[in-house]
Protein backbone atom coordinates (compact mmCIF):
# COMPACT_ATOMS: atom_id res chain seq x y z
CA MET A 1 3.65 38.10 -10.06
CA LEU A 2 4.61 34.46 -10.27
CA SER A 3 8.05 33.63 -11.71
CA THR A 4 10.13 30.45 -12.11
CA LEU A 5 12.32 31.36 -9.23
CA SER A 6 9.47 31.95 -6.85
CA LEU A 7 7.82 28.67 -8.00
CA MET A 8 11.09 26.81 -7.35
CA LEU A 9 11.44 28.35 -3.86
CA VAL A 10 7.91 27.49 -2.91
CA THR A 11 8.27 23.97 -4.16
CA THR A 12 11.47 23.62 -2.32
CA ALA A 13 9.60 24.56 0.94
CA LEU A 14 6.81 21.91 0.18
CA SER A 15 9.64 19.41 -0.32
CA VAL A 16 11.15 20.25 2.98
CA VAL A 17 7.65 19.85 4.65
CA MET A 18 7.26 16.43 3.02
CA LEU A 19 10.66 15.43 4.09
CA LEU A 20 9.71 16.33 7.65
CA VAL A 21 6.57 14.34 7.41
CA LEU A 22 8.33 11.29 6.10
CA SER A 23 10.75 11.53 8.87
CA SER A 24 7.90 11.33 11.36
CA LEU A 25 6.91 8.05 9.76
CA ALA A 26 10.45 6.53 9.92
CA SER A 27 9.61 4.85 13.22
CA SER A 28 6.61 3.02 11.69
CA LYS A 29 8.96 0.79 9.70
CA VAL A 30 7.02 1.19 6.57
CA VAL A 31 8.89 -0.11 3.53
CA GLY A 32 9.64 2.63 1.07
CA ILE A 33 9.99 5.57 3.46
CA ARG A 34 13.58 5.67 3.26
CA GLU A 35 13.61 5.99 -0.61
CA TRP A 36 10.98 8.66 -0.57
CA GLY A 37 12.83 10.63 2.07
CA GLN A 38 16.05 10.32 0.00
CA ALA A 39 14.25 11.57 -3.04
CA ASN A 40 12.86 14.65 -1.26
CA ALA A 41 16.32 15.51 0.13
CA LEU A 42 17.70 15.26 -3.28
CA ALA A 43 14.75 17.42 -4.61
CA VAL A 44 15.47 20.10 -2.23
CA ILE A 45 19.19 20.37 -3.19
CA SER A 46 18.50 20.28 -6.81
CA LEU A 47 15.95 22.86 -6.71
CA LEU A 48 18.14 25.20 -4.78
CA LEU A 49 20.78 24.53 -7.37
CA PHE A 50 18.31 25.46 -10.22
CA ALA A 51 17.36 28.65 -8.23
CA SER A 52 21.05 29.59 -8.27
CA ARG A 53 21.44 29.53 -12.10
CA GLY A 54 23.52 32.34 -13.00
CA VAL A 55 25.25 32.57 -9.75
CA LEU A 56 26.67 29.05 -9.68
CA PRO A 57 28.52 27.69 -12.80
CA ASP A 58 26.45 25.53 -15.14
CA LEU A 59 28.04 22.32 -14.00
CA LEU A 60 26.31 22.67 -10.78
CA SER A 61 23.25 24.76 -11.52
CA LEU A 62 22.30 22.78 -14.68
CA GLU A 63 24.02 19.47 -15.09
CA LEU A 64 24.30 18.34 -11.53
CA ALA A 65 20.82 19.86 -10.74
CA ASN A 66 19.24 17.78 -13.56
CA ALA A 67 21.20 14.72 -12.50
CA MET A 68 19.85 14.92 -9.08
CA LEU A 69 16.31 15.63 -10.33
CA LEU A 70 16.48 12.61 -12.50
CA ALA A 71 17.76 10.51 -9.45
CA THR A 72 14.66 11.84 -7.30
CA ILE A 73 11.94 10.55 -9.66
CA ALA A 74 13.90 7.08 -9.86
CA LEU A 75 13.94 7.00 -6.02
CA MET A 76 10.29 7.82 -5.77
CA TYR A 77 9.58 4.85 -8.08
CA VAL A 78 11.90 2.52 -6.13
CA GLY A 79 10.05 3.49 -2.95
CA PHE A 80 6.66 2.55 -4.36
CA ARG A 81 8.05 -0.68 -5.86
CA ARG A 82 9.46 -1.61 -2.41
CA HIS A 83 6.27 -0.55 -0.68
CA LEU A 84 4.17 -2.74 -2.79
CA GLY A 85 6.51 -5.60 -2.42
CA LEU A 86 7.55 -5.57 -6.09
CA ALA A 87 10.99 -6.23 -7.73
CA VAL A 88 12.94 -2.97 -8.57
CA PRO A 89 14.10 -2.80 -12.22
CA VAL A 90 17.45 -1.40 -11.38
CA ARG A 91 19.04 -1.85 -14.57
CA ALA A 92 16.29 -0.15 -16.67
CA LEU A 93 16.21 2.83 -14.24
CA VAL A 94 19.96 3.40 -14.38
CA LEU A 95 20.26 2.95 -18.20
CA GLY A 96 17.24 5.35 -18.74
CA GLY A 97 18.67 7.80 -16.38
CA LEU A 98 22.14 7.65 -17.92
CA ALA A 99 20.60 8.12 -21.37
CA ALA A 100 18.67 11.06 -20.31
CA PHE A 101 21.57 12.68 -18.60
CA CYS A 102 24.03 12.09 -21.47
CA ALA A 103 21.50 13.75 -23.87
CA LEU A 104 21.46 16.62 -21.42
CA VAL A 105 25.29 16.98 -21.60
CA VAL A 106 25.33 16.60 -25.41
CA PHE A 107 22.77 19.20 -25.80
CA HIS A 108 24.38 21.68 -23.61
CA ASP A 109 28.09 21.24 -24.11
CA VAL A 110 28.45 19.78 -27.62
CA HIS A 111 25.27 21.05 -29.53
CA GLU A 112 23.50 23.80 -27.56
CA SER A 113 19.76 23.19 -27.65
CA LEU A 114 17.42 24.10 -24.73
CA SER A 115 14.45 22.33 -26.39
CA LEU A 116 16.31 19.13 -26.83
CA ARG A 117 17.55 19.20 -23.25
CA ILE A 118 14.13 19.43 -21.97
CA THR A 119 12.72 16.79 -24.25
CA SER A 120 15.38 14.18 -23.18
CA VAL A 121 14.71 14.98 -19.48
CA SER A 122 10.99 14.93 -19.80
CA ALA A 123 10.93 11.69 -21.60
CA TYR A 124 12.57 10.02 -18.61
CA HIS A 125 10.23 11.75 -16.06
CA ALA A 126 7.22 10.71 -18.05
CA SER A 127 8.39 7.06 -18.34
CA VAL A 128 8.97 6.87 -14.70
CA CYS A 129 5.53 8.51 -13.79
CA PHE A 130 3.70 6.08 -16.09
CA ALA A 131 5.69 3.23 -14.36
CA ILE A 132 4.45 4.43 -10.97
CA TYR A 133 0.88 4.49 -12.40
CA ARG A 134 1.15 0.96 -13.60
CA CYS A 135 2.78 -0.49 -10.47
CA VAL A 136 0.21 1.00 -7.98
CA PRO A 137 -2.83 -1.40 -8.20
CA LYS A 138 -6.41 -0.50 -8.05
CA VAL A 139 -8.11 -0.95 -4.77
CA ALA A 140 -11.92 -1.61 -4.78
CA GLU A 141 -12.59 -0.83 -1.18
CA GLY A 142 -11.28 -0.25 2.33
CA ARG A 143 -8.82 2.34 3.79
CA LEU A 144 -6.42 1.96 0.89
CA ARG A 145 -8.78 2.85 -1.89
CA TYR A 146 -8.57 6.70 -1.66
CA PRO A 147 -4.76 6.86 -1.09
CA PHE A 148 -4.00 4.28 -4.09
CA THR A 149 -6.55 6.17 -6.44
CA PHE A 150 -4.92 9.43 -5.60
CA THR A 151 -1.57 8.24 -6.14
CA ARG A 152 -2.50 6.49 -9.57
CA ILE A 153 -4.21 9.63 -10.82
CA THR A 154 -1.52 11.85 -9.87
CA ALA A 155 1.20 9.67 -11.47
CA PHE A 156 -0.73 9.46 -14.71
CA ALA A 157 -1.41 13.14 -14.87
CA LEU A 158 2.20 13.87 -14.13
CA GLY A 159 3.20 11.27 -16.83
CA CYS A 160 0.93 13.00 -19.41
CA GLY A 161 2.22 16.64 -18.44
CA HIS A 162 5.83 15.48 -18.79
CA ALA A 163 5.09 13.80 -22.11
CA PHE A 164 3.30 16.90 -23.41
CA ARG A 165 6.15 18.91 -22.20
CA GLY A 166 8.71 16.87 -24.00
CA SER A 167 6.72 16.69 -27.29
CA PHE A 168 6.16 20.44 -27.23
CA TYR A 169 9.98 21.21 -26.90
CA ALA A 170 10.65 18.48 -29.36
CA VAL A 171 8.36 20.27 -31.86
CA ASP A 172 9.88 23.55 -31.02
CA ALA A 173 13.34 22.25 -31.67
CA TRP A 174 12.18 21.09 -35.07
CA ALA A 175 10.12 24.27 -35.97
CA PRO A 176 10.16 26.92 -33.36
CA ILE A 177 6.76 27.89 -31.85
CA THR A 178 6.20 31.69 -31.71
CA SER A 179 2.29 31.93 -31.15
CA ILE A 180 2.58 31.06 -27.46
CA ASP A 181 3.79 33.58 -24.68
CA PRO A 182 7.11 31.90 -23.61
CA ALA A 183 7.02 33.15 -20.11
CA THR A 184 3.65 31.61 -19.51
CA ILE A 185 4.20 28.37 -21.09
CA ASN A 186 7.66 28.21 -19.38
CA ILE A 187 6.15 28.67 -15.94
CA ALA A 188 3.46 26.01 -16.69
CA PHE A 189 6.07 23.42 -17.62
CA VAL A 190 8.30 24.38 -14.57
CA ALA A 191 5.34 23.81 -12.43
CA ILE A 192 4.88 20.28 -13.95
CA GLY A 193 8.45 19.44 -13.21
CA THR A 194 8.83 20.97 -9.72
CA LEU A 195 5.39 19.97 -8.27
CA ALA A 196 5.81 16.37 -9.23
CA MET A 197 7.91 15.64 -6.09
CA PRO A 198 5.44 17.10 -3.56
CA ALA A 199 2.42 15.54 -5.29
CA LEU A 200 3.80 12.01 -5.53
CA THR A 201 5.11 12.32 -1.89
CA LEU A 202 1.70 13.28 -0.81
CA GLY A 203 0.38 10.13 -2.44
CA ALA A 204 3.20 7.98 -0.73
CA VAL A 205 2.46 9.57 2.84
CA MET A 206 -1.37 8.82 2.45
CA MET A 207 -0.49 5.23 1.30
CA SER A 208 1.88 4.73 4.19
CA ASN A 209 -0.72 6.21 6.73
CA ALA A 210 -3.39 4.01 5.53
CA ARG A 211 -1.16 1.02 5.46
CA VAL A 212 -0.22 1.79 9.14
CA LEU A 213 -3.97 2.21 10.16
CA SER A 214 -4.95 -1.14 8.34
CA GLU A 215 -2.19 -3.01 10.09
CA THR A 216 -3.25 -1.45 13.45
CA ALA A 217 -6.81 -2.34 12.84
CA TYR A 218 -5.86 -5.82 11.83
CA ALA A 219 -3.68 -6.21 14.91
CA ALA A 220 -6.47 -5.09 17.22
CA GLU A 221 -9.15 -7.29 15.57
CA HIS A 222 -7.19 -10.52 15.11
CA ASP A 223 -5.45 -12.98 17.49
CA HIS A 224 -1.76 -12.73 16.97
CA LEU A 225 -1.24 -16.62 17.51
CA THR A 226 -3.67 -18.11 15.25
CA GLY A 227 -4.65 -15.18 12.83
CA ALA A 228 -8.30 -15.77 13.59
CA PRO A 229 -10.58 -12.66 14.45
CA SER A 230 -10.43 -11.82 18.06
CA ARG A 231 -13.22 -11.87 20.73
CA ARG A 232 -13.94 -8.18 20.35
CA ALA A 233 -14.14 -8.66 16.52
CA PHE A 234 -16.37 -11.75 17.02
CA PHE A 235 -18.86 -9.94 19.29
CA GLU A 236 -19.10 -7.05 16.75
CA ALA A 237 -19.92 -9.42 14.06
CA ALA A 238 -22.26 -11.20 16.28
CA GLU A 239 -24.16 -8.13 16.83
CA ARG A 240 -24.33 -7.32 13.19
CA GLU A 241 -25.40 -10.76 12.21
CA LEU A 242 -28.12 -10.94 14.82
CA ALA A 243 -29.66 -7.62 13.92
CA ARG A 244 -29.51 -8.63 10.28
CA ALA A 245 -31.24 -11.97 11.09
CA GLN A 246 -33.90 -10.43 13.20
CA ARG A 247 -34.52 -7.92 10.45
CA HIS A 248 -34.87 -10.38 7.59
CA GLY A 249 -36.17 -13.19 9.61
CA SER A 250 -33.26 -15.63 8.52
CA GLY A 251 -31.65 -18.21 10.58
CA LEU A 252 -28.47 -17.82 12.61
CA GLY A 253 -26.32 -20.31 14.21
CA LEU A 254 -23.58 -20.29 16.71
CA LEU A 255 -20.95 -22.99 17.36
CA LEU A 256 -18.68 -23.20 20.32
CA ILE A 257 -15.61 -25.25 19.92
CA ASP A 258 -13.40 -26.29 22.78
CA ALA A 259 -10.08 -28.28 22.54
CA ASP A 260 -10.42 -31.29 24.91
CA HIS A 261 -7.83 -31.50 27.84
CA PHE A 262 -5.86 -28.72 26.32
CA LYS A 263 -4.04 -28.19 29.71
CA ARG A 264 -2.71 -31.68 29.54
CA ILE A 265 -1.37 -31.10 25.88
CA ASN A 266 0.49 -28.00 27.35
CA ASP A 267 1.94 -29.89 30.46
CA THR A 268 2.83 -32.98 28.35
CA TYR A 269 4.18 -31.52 25.18
CA GLY A 270 4.87 -27.89 26.08
CA HIS A 271 3.33 -24.57 25.20
CA GLY A 272 5.03 -24.60 21.72
CA VAL A 273 3.05 -27.74 20.64
CA GLY A 274 0.00 -26.45 22.33
CA ASP A 275 0.20 -23.25 20.10
CA GLN A 276 0.40 -25.47 17.19
CA VAL A 277 -2.75 -27.30 18.11
CA LEU A 278 -4.55 -24.01 18.21
CA ARG A 279 -3.24 -23.05 14.86
CA ASP A 280 -4.09 -26.20 13.24
CA LEU A 281 -7.52 -26.06 14.85
CA VAL A 282 -8.12 -22.56 13.27
CA GLN A 283 -6.82 -23.65 9.84
CA ARG A 284 -8.87 -26.87 9.50
CA THR A 285 -12.07 -24.86 10.75
CA GLN A 286 -11.63 -22.35 8.05
CA GLU A 287 -11.16 -25.04 5.49
CA VAL A 288 -14.49 -26.78 6.49
CA ILE A 289 -16.87 -23.85 7.22
CA ARG A 290 -18.68 -21.90 4.46
CA LYS A 291 -17.24 -18.61 3.07
CA ILE A 292 -20.09 -16.57 4.83
CA ASP A 293 -19.23 -18.21 8.23
CA TYR A 294 -17.14 -16.39 10.73
CA CYS A 295 -14.66 -18.15 12.98
CA ALA A 296 -12.86 -16.35 15.83
CA ARG A 297 -10.84 -17.20 18.97
CA LEU A 298 -12.81 -16.27 22.06
CA GLY A 299 -10.04 -17.06 24.64
CA GLY A 300 -7.56 -19.86 25.48
CA GLU A 301 -8.62 -23.00 23.56
CA GLU A 302 -12.22 -21.67 23.11
CA PHE A 303 -13.46 -20.54 19.59
CA GLY A 304 -16.74 -19.53 18.24
CA VAL A 305 -18.24 -19.85 14.59
CA LEU A 306 -21.13 -17.75 13.45
CA LEU A 307 -23.36 -19.43 10.91
CA PRO A 308 -25.44 -16.67 9.07
CA GLU A 309 -28.58 -17.73 6.95
CA ALA A 310 -28.12 -21.22 8.49
CA THR A 311 -30.94 -23.66 9.33
CA ARG A 312 -30.76 -26.19 12.12
CA GLU A 313 -29.98 -28.90 9.65
CA THR A 314 -27.29 -26.73 7.88
CA ALA A 315 -25.70 -25.96 11.22
CA LEU A 316 -25.84 -29.58 12.28
CA ALA A 317 -24.01 -30.61 9.09
CA VAL A 318 -21.30 -27.97 9.47
CA ALA A 319 -20.87 -28.95 13.20
CA GLU A 320 -20.49 -32.73 12.23
CA ARG A 321 -18.05 -31.89 9.33
CA LEU A 322 -16.04 -29.89 11.83
CA ARG A 323 -16.09 -32.72 14.60
CA SER A 324 -14.78 -35.12 11.93
CA ALA A 325 -12.07 -32.71 10.54
CA LEU A 326 -10.76 -31.73 14.09
CA ASP A 327 -10.78 -35.35 15.43
CA ARG A 328 -6.78 -35.66 15.36
CA SER A 329 -6.76 -38.43 18.11
CA THR A 330 -4.88 -40.73 15.72
CA GLN A 331 -2.52 -38.42 13.99
CA ALA A 332 1.04 -39.63 13.67
CA GLU A 333 2.89 -36.31 14.11
CA GLY A 334 2.43 -33.62 16.65
CA ALA A 335 0.03 -33.69 19.67
CA ALA A 336 -3.11 -35.65 19.28
CA TYR A 337 -6.31 -33.81 20.11
CA THR A 338 -10.05 -33.69 19.90
CA VAL A 339 -12.70 -31.11 20.23
CA SER A 340 -16.10 -30.62 21.82
CA ILE A 341 -18.77 -28.56 19.88
CA GLY A 342 -21.78 -26.90 21.04
CA LEU A 343 -24.56 -25.50 18.88
CA ALA A 344 -27.22 -22.62 19.46
CA MET A 345 -29.72 -21.54 16.92
CA LEU A 346 -31.69 -18.23 16.58
CA GLU A 347 -35.24 -19.35 15.60
CA GLU A 348 -38.04 -16.80 15.64
CA GLY A 349 -36.25 -14.43 17.60
CA LYS A 350 -35.31 -16.98 20.35
CA ILE A 351 -32.17 -18.75 21.09
CA SER A 352 -32.42 -22.37 20.96
CA PRO A 353 -29.39 -24.54 22.27
CA THR A 354 -28.70 -27.92 20.78
């Protein structure tokens, strides 16, 4: 039969597993891992202290255990804020945690009330869970959608659970509730409190893993120097656009851009200036082309621009705007450069060079 002790021990084991999983992600340098790991380490210790109630003195098994549990949810929140690049409201977290802990001490050592102790602690946990829900943004698509949605739903559900738990015991302190089996309701509420850490950590691990995969995919598909899509990504996009153009009978243009005398720029000014020329070329190209167009670095000083749904007139207009924007032969700062542009069009299933 399930008991609060067995539930705590199972949750402790889950927190240990989550701590090991977080440790495996430490080398990824994902922001927030350290705080989530610290939270789970504290959770393991606090749950073991709770499980030792009656063996260890109340100072350890009640007050210290609750203080550590308050710190765990705060650290989880800090981890999520840092992971998302948000400022951490340290003052609000500390003051809220101190208020909850002081209430715990008062209702244990000054005016004994189990219901009010639980109410004060639950209020803090509910507030932090709702804060996690609010700080994790909605993601509409991509690899991050499911992990972020899972974390938001989990944090919101836990916030509601803690709020209900606190409200229940607040009412019980005012007018004791006798119609509900205390053993059953106690196990349910203990589950809300103890399972919060593994559930939130699971969301954190999923978010971290998705972030690592996204960054790895981005690095594989983009040129590290200019930030433009790589040659491989360009050919994948070209295959998709070519198939779509042939399927719908729409036009497709291709611009090939080459920086003139680029070796001379490197030999005269150095590779650092040459790199800046390439970055400048990509930046100006992306400012000129349409939103549906696709610019990528094919290699060296060569770049390609796909022009989906473009007529010959549209493609020529884009090429002319690019030639004008990339004519840096008279610029006062940095290396002067110009470009050569070639144009090819897909017309009625045939490639037509211009």
